[in-house]
């Protein structure tokens, strides 16, 4: 999953793709680098980020979605245009984005906007990324605490999957994201990285968002812009432990790491 943040304040690339033309071009570039889908976000979820209204968020992302689809039609060289997901915590924004062509909702709030989001998911056939987050972006990194982080994340997923099923949502469309950096200290992130096999045992694909995260900076002593090597190491560990999807700012490099990991597991050389 490639990342395009249409925001002025995201922790890593805020402001770089606020223009819809640049954002759409970036999406096509990420697909060309090997991303299977691109995640479009109109509200920063970095620690301490201030919320925006649904109308403001839609004003940021809907023109980008429309521009991407326009470019896809013109770009005959794109043999396999990828999926688009909408990175939002709001059911209203998700609904508009799905109507505009997004096929996955990436909800980092863990179903906080429950009624609106469940209504959309029950009525549509879009995919859904269910993310664990302790608190909100405004509060999540203010001394997060767990008795047992992995066990609590597993219990969270079990509860939310039951809620989704009761609402009539086909859980075959649900992906689980343990929420690295979303209400987690360094040790919590480490436990979740090593605990991916248990998360995968719930029977749903596991997505990891490790790219340029602050806990990588803590381990490597690097700024967000200089965390590629640490990111690839963390992504390789995640894939090794059973992660199915990697959310990356630099999917070309992440694809290589995934291919190498798969080759070691399978004993076969990639013919990509």
Protein backbone atom coordinates (compact mmCIF):
# COMPACT_ATOMS: atom_id res chain seq x y z
CA UNK A 1 0.00 0.00 0.00
CA UNK A 2 1.49 3.32 -1.09
CA UNK A 3 0.81 6.52 0.84
CA UNK A 4 -0.40 9.89 -0.43
CA UNK A 5 -1.20 12.37 2.34
CA UNK A 6 -3.24 15.32 1.07
CA UNK A 7 -2.56 17.26 4.26
CA UNK A 8 -0.43 20.20 5.38
CA UNK A 9 0.64 18.58 8.65
CA UNK A 10 1.36 14.85 8.28
CA UNK A 11 4.49 13.85 10.20
CA UNK A 12 6.55 12.78 7.19
CA UNK A 13 5.26 14.34 3.97
CA UNK A 14 2.84 17.03 5.11
CA UNK A 15 2.28 19.66 2.43
CA UNK A 16 4.12 17.83 -0.34
CA UNK A 17 0.97 16.62 -2.10
CA UNK A 18 -1.68 19.14 -1.03
CA UNK A 19 -2.23 20.05 -4.69
CA UNK A 20 -4.61 17.57 -6.34
CA UNK A 21 -2.54 17.35 -9.54
CA UNK A 22 0.64 16.51 -7.63
CA UNK A 23 -1.21 14.05 -5.42
CA UNK A 24 -2.72 12.22 -8.39
CA UNK A 25 0.62 12.06 -10.18
CA UNK A 26 2.19 10.69 -7.00
CA UNK A 27 -0.45 7.95 -6.85
CA UNK A 28 0.37 6.81 -10.39
CA UNK A 29 4.07 6.94 -9.55
CA UNK A 30 3.54 4.69 -6.52
CA UNK A 31 1.64 2.17 -8.64
CA UNK A 32 4.49 2.17 -11.14
CA UNK A 33 6.88 1.40 -8.26
CA UNK A 34 4.94 -1.74 -7.36
CA UNK A 35 2.21 -0.63 -4.97
CA UNK A 36 -0.99 -2.63 -5.44
CA UNK A 37 -3.09 0.13 -3.96
CA UNK A 38 -2.69 3.73 -2.85
CA UNK A 39 -4.03 5.17 0.41
CA UNK A 40 -5.35 8.75 0.15
CA UNK A 41 -5.62 10.67 3.42
CA UNK A 42 -7.03 14.14 4.06
CA UNK A 43 -6.56 14.39 7.83
CA UNK A 44 -3.27 13.99 9.66
CA UNK A 45 -3.22 11.29 12.35
CA UNK A 46 0.25 12.06 13.68
CA UNK A 47 0.44 12.40 17.48
CA UNK A 48 -1.00 15.76 18.51
CA UNK A 49 -2.58 16.52 15.13
CA UNK A 50 -5.71 18.66 15.28
CA UNK A 51 -8.92 17.26 13.78
CA UNK A 52 -10.54 18.72 10.68
CA UNK A 53 -14.21 18.76 9.72
CA UNK A 54 -15.71 16.20 7.39
CA UNK A 55 -16.35 18.94 4.82
CA UNK A 56 -12.74 20.08 4.90
CA UNK A 57 -11.48 16.53 4.63
CA UNK A 58 -13.76 15.83 1.67
CA UNK A 59 -12.63 19.05 -0.02
CA UNK A 60 -9.09 17.71 0.16
CA UNK A 61 -9.57 14.11 -0.97
CA UNK A 62 -12.48 14.00 -3.44
CA UNK A 63 -10.77 16.20 -6.09
CA UNK A 64 -7.70 13.96 -5.78
CA UNK A 65 -9.76 10.81 -6.36
CA UNK A 66 -11.44 12.39 -9.38
CA UNK A 67 -8.08 13.48 -10.77
CA UNK A 68 -6.55 10.02 -10.28
CA UNK A 69 -9.37 8.34 -12.20
CA UNK A 70 -9.07 10.94 -14.95
CA UNK A 71 -5.34 10.29 -15.28
CA UNK A 72 -5.91 6.52 -15.25
CA UNK A 73 -8.17 6.80 -18.27
CA UNK A 74 -5.59 8.87 -20.16
CA UNK A 75 -2.60 6.77 -19.13
CA UNK A 76 -2.88 3.74 -21.39
CA UNK A 77 0.60 2.63 -20.29
CA UNK A 78 -0.73 1.72 -16.87
CA UNK A 79 -1.48 -1.97 -17.47
CA UNK A 80 -2.87 -2.63 -14.01
CA UNK A 81 -4.11 0.52 -12.31
CA UNK A 82 -4.29 -0.24 -8.62
CA UNK A 83 -6.88 0.10 -5.94
CA UNK A 84 -7.53 3.28 -4.01
CA UNK A 85 -8.26 3.32 -0.29
CA UNK A 86 -9.48 6.29 1.72
CA UNK A 87 -7.66 6.92 5.00
CA UNK A 88 -10.38 8.39 7.20
CA UNK A 89 -11.99 8.03 10.62
CA UNK A 90 -15.30 9.53 9.46
CA UNK A 91 -18.14 7.52 7.97
CA UNK A 92 -19.38 10.50 5.94
CA UNK A 93 -16.00 10.98 4.29
CA UNK A 94 -15.67 7.26 3.65
CA UNK A 95 -19.10 7.19 1.99
CA UNK A 96 -18.24 10.05 -0.37
CA UNK A 97 -14.87 8.50 -1.22
CA UNK A 98 -16.40 5.09 -1.94
CA UNK A 99 -18.99 6.79 -4.15
CA UNK A 100 -16.09 8.47 -5.97
CA UNK A 101 -14.37 5.13 -6.59
CA UNK A 102 -12.36 4.15 -3.50
CA UNK A 103 -12.62 0.42 -2.82
CA UNK A 104 -11.14 0.21 0.70
CA UNK A 105 -11.73 2.26 3.86
CA UNK A 106 -8.64 2.54 6.06
CA UNK A 107 -9.99 3.55 9.48
CA UNK A 108 -7.24 4.24 12.01
CA UNK A 109 -9.78 5.02 14.75
CA UNK A 110 -10.87 1.40 15.17
CA UNK A 111 -14.53 2.06 14.36
CA UNK A 112 -14.91 5.20 16.51
CA UNK A 113 -17.61 6.55 14.15
CA UNK A 114 -19.39 3.26 14.62
CA UNK A 115 -22.95 3.89 13.44
CA UNK A 116 -22.01 5.78 10.27
CA UNK A 117 -19.14 3.47 9.34
CA UNK A 118 -21.11 0.27 9.97
CA UNK A 119 -23.95 1.59 7.83
CA UNK A 120 -21.60 2.19 4.91
CA UNK A 121 -19.84 -1.16 5.26
CA UNK A 122 -23.11 -3.07 5.45
CA UNK A 123 -24.49 -1.33 2.36
CA UNK A 124 -21.38 -1.56 0.18
CA UNK A 125 -18.84 -4.21 -0.79
CA UNK A 126 -15.76 -2.12 -0.01
CA UNK A 127 -12.87 -3.48 2.02
CA UNK A 128 -12.20 -2.26 5.55
CA UNK A 129 -8.95 -1.87 7.47
CA UNK A 130 -9.70 -2.15 11.20
CA UNK A 131 -6.92 -0.47 13.19
CA UNK A 132 -6.21 -0.62 16.90
CA UNK A 133 -5.67 2.80 18.48
CA UNK A 134 -5.57 3.71 22.15
CA UNK A 135 -7.06 7.21 22.42
CA UNK A 136 -7.20 9.75 19.59
CA UNK A 137 -4.40 11.38 17.59
CA UNK A 138 -4.60 14.27 20.05
CA UNK A 139 -4.08 12.05 23.12
CA UNK A 140 -2.73 8.67 21.99
CA UNK A 141 0.94 9.26 22.75
CA UNK A 142 0.37 10.84 26.17
CA UNK A 143 1.74 7.99 28.27
CA UNK A 144 -0.10 5.03 26.67
CA UNK A 145 -0.47 2.13 29.09
CA UNK A 146 -1.34 -1.58 28.78
CA UNK A 147 -1.39 -4.51 31.16
CA UNK A 148 -0.50 -6.75 28.21
CA UNK A 149 -0.41 -4.92 24.89
CA UNK A 150 -0.65 -7.92 22.57
CA UNK A 151 -3.45 -9.59 24.53
CA UNK A 152 -5.44 -6.35 24.66
CA UNK A 153 -5.03 -5.75 20.93
CA UNK A 154 -6.19 -9.31 20.22
CA UNK A 155 -9.23 -8.82 22.48
CA UNK A 156 -9.99 -5.52 20.71
CA UNK A 157 -9.96 -7.20 17.30
CA UNK A 158 -12.14 -10.06 18.54
CA UNK A 159 -14.74 -7.61 19.90
CA UNK A 160 -14.78 -5.37 16.81
CA UNK A 161 -15.01 -8.30 14.40
CA UNK A 162 -18.11 -9.49 16.27
CA UNK A 163 -19.62 -5.99 16.03
CA UNK A 164 -18.96 -5.94 12.29
CA UNK A 165 -20.53 -9.38 11.85
CA UNK A 166 -23.62 -8.41 13.84
CA UNK A 167 -24.02 -5.38 11.58
CA UNK A 168 -24.07 -7.63 8.54
CA UNK A 169 -20.55 -6.89 7.34
CA UNK A 170 -18.76 -9.75 5.60
CA UNK A 171 -15.52 -10.09 7.59
CA UNK A 172 -13.87 -11.61 4.52
CA UNK A 173 -13.51 -7.93 3.52
CA UNK A 174 -11.78 -6.95 6.78
CA UNK A 175 -8.03 -6.44 7.26
CA UNK A 176 -6.44 -6.05 10.71
CA UNK A 177 -3.87 -3.35 11.52
CA UNK A 178 -2.32 -3.49 15.03
CA UNK A 179 -1.72 0.27 14.87
CA UNK A 180 2.01 0.75 15.29
CA UNK A 181 2.54 4.16 16.86
CA UNK A 182 -1.15 4.70 17.61
CA UNK A 183 -1.14 4.85 21.39
CA UNK A 184 1.98 2.71 21.71
CA UNK A 185 5.34 3.15 23.41
CA UNK A 186 8.50 1.62 21.95
CA UNK A 187 8.12 -1.62 23.90
CA UNK A 188 4.46 -1.96 22.85
CA UNK A 189 5.43 -1.65 19.19
CA UNK A 190 8.14 -4.25 19.68
CA UNK A 191 5.69 -6.68 21.28
CA UNK A 192 3.21 -6.25 18.44
CA UNK A 193 5.88 -6.73 15.78
CA UNK A 194 6.90 -10.03 17.35
CA UNK A 195 3.25 -10.92 17.99
CA UNK A 196 2.08 -10.73 14.38
CA UNK A 197 1.68 -14.56 14.18
CA UNK A 198 -0.98 -14.39 16.92
CA UNK A 199 -2.77 -11.52 15.18
CA UNK A 200 -2.71 -13.47 11.91
CA UNK A 201 -4.18 -16.47 13.74
CA UNK A 202 -7.47 -14.54 13.95
CA UNK A 203 -7.93 -15.51 10.33
CA UNK A 204 -7.79 -12.11 8.66
CA UNK A 205 -4.95 -10.50 6.66
CA UNK A 206 -2.61 -8.31 8.72
CA UNK A 207 -1.57 -4.85 7.53
CA UNK A 208 1.43 -3.09 9.08
CA UNK A 209 2.09 0.65 8.93
CA UNK A 210 5.74 0.91 9.96
CA UNK A 211 7.06 3.39 7.42
CA UNK A 212 9.18 6.15 9.04
CA UNK A 213 7.46 5.72 12.42
CA UNK A 214 8.96 7.37 15.50
CA UNK A 215 9.82 4.07 17.22
CA UNK A 216 12.13 3.35 14.29
CA UNK A 217 13.73 6.71 14.94
CA UNK A 218 14.19 5.80 18.59
CA UNK A 219 15.95 2.58 17.65
CA UNK A 220 18.14 4.11 14.92
CA UNK A 221 18.60 7.70 16.06
CA UNK A 222 17.35 9.03 12.73
CA UNK A 223 14.93 11.74 11.59
CA UNK A 224 11.74 10.76 9.74
CA UNK A 225 13.28 11.58 6.37
CA UNK A 226 16.23 9.24 7.03
CA UNK A 227 14.50 6.06 8.21
CA UNK A 228 14.37 4.01 5.02
CA UNK A 229 16.85 1.36 6.19
CA UNK A 230 15.16 1.02 9.58
CA UNK A 231 11.75 0.91 7.92
CA UNK A 232 12.82 -1.90 5.58
CA UNK A 233 14.27 -3.88 8.48
CA UNK A 234 11.00 -3.55 10.43
CA UNK A 235 8.90 -4.41 7.35
CA UNK A 236 11.03 -7.49 6.66
CA UNK A 237 10.55 -8.67 10.25
CA UNK A 238 6.80 -8.09 9.91
CA UNK A 239 6.60 -10.06 6.66
CA UNK A 240 8.74 -12.82 8.16
CA UNK A 241 6.29 -13.09 11.05
CA UNK A 242 3.25 -13.24 8.76
CA UNK A 243 2.15 -9.73 7.76
CA UNK A 244 0.29 -9.70 4.45
CA UNK A 245 0.20 -5.99 3.56
CA UNK A 246 2.80 -3.25 4.08
CA UNK A 247 1.82 0.43 4.10
CA UNK A 248 4.83 2.31 2.72
CA UNK A 249 5.94 5.79 1.69
CA UNK A 250 8.47 4.12 -0.65
CA UNK A 251 6.82 0.98 -2.06
CA UNK A 252 9.55 0.34 -4.63
CA UNK A 253 11.99 -0.45 -1.84
CA UNK A 254 9.37 -2.28 0.23
CA UNK A 255 8.50 -4.52 -2.73
CA UNK A 256 12.14 -5.57 -3.00
CA UNK A 257 12.25 -6.38 0.71
CA UNK A 258 9.05 -8.42 0.38
CA UNK A 259 10.32 -10.30 -2.69
CA UNK A 260 13.57 -11.16 -0.95
CA UNK A 261 11.77 -12.37 2.16
CA UNK A 262 9.38 -14.46 0.09
CA UNK A 263 12.25 -15.95 -1.90
CA UNK A 264 13.99 -17.09 1.28
CA UNK A 265 10.77 -18.65 2.57
CA UNK A 266 9.85 -20.37 -0.69
CA UNK A 267 13.31 -21.24 -1.95
CA UNK A 268 12.34 -19.80 -5.32
CA UNK A 269 13.78 -16.85 -7.24
CA UNK A 270 11.21 -14.20 -8.14
CA UNK A 271 10.36 -13.82 -11.82
CA UNK A 272 8.69 -10.45 -11.27
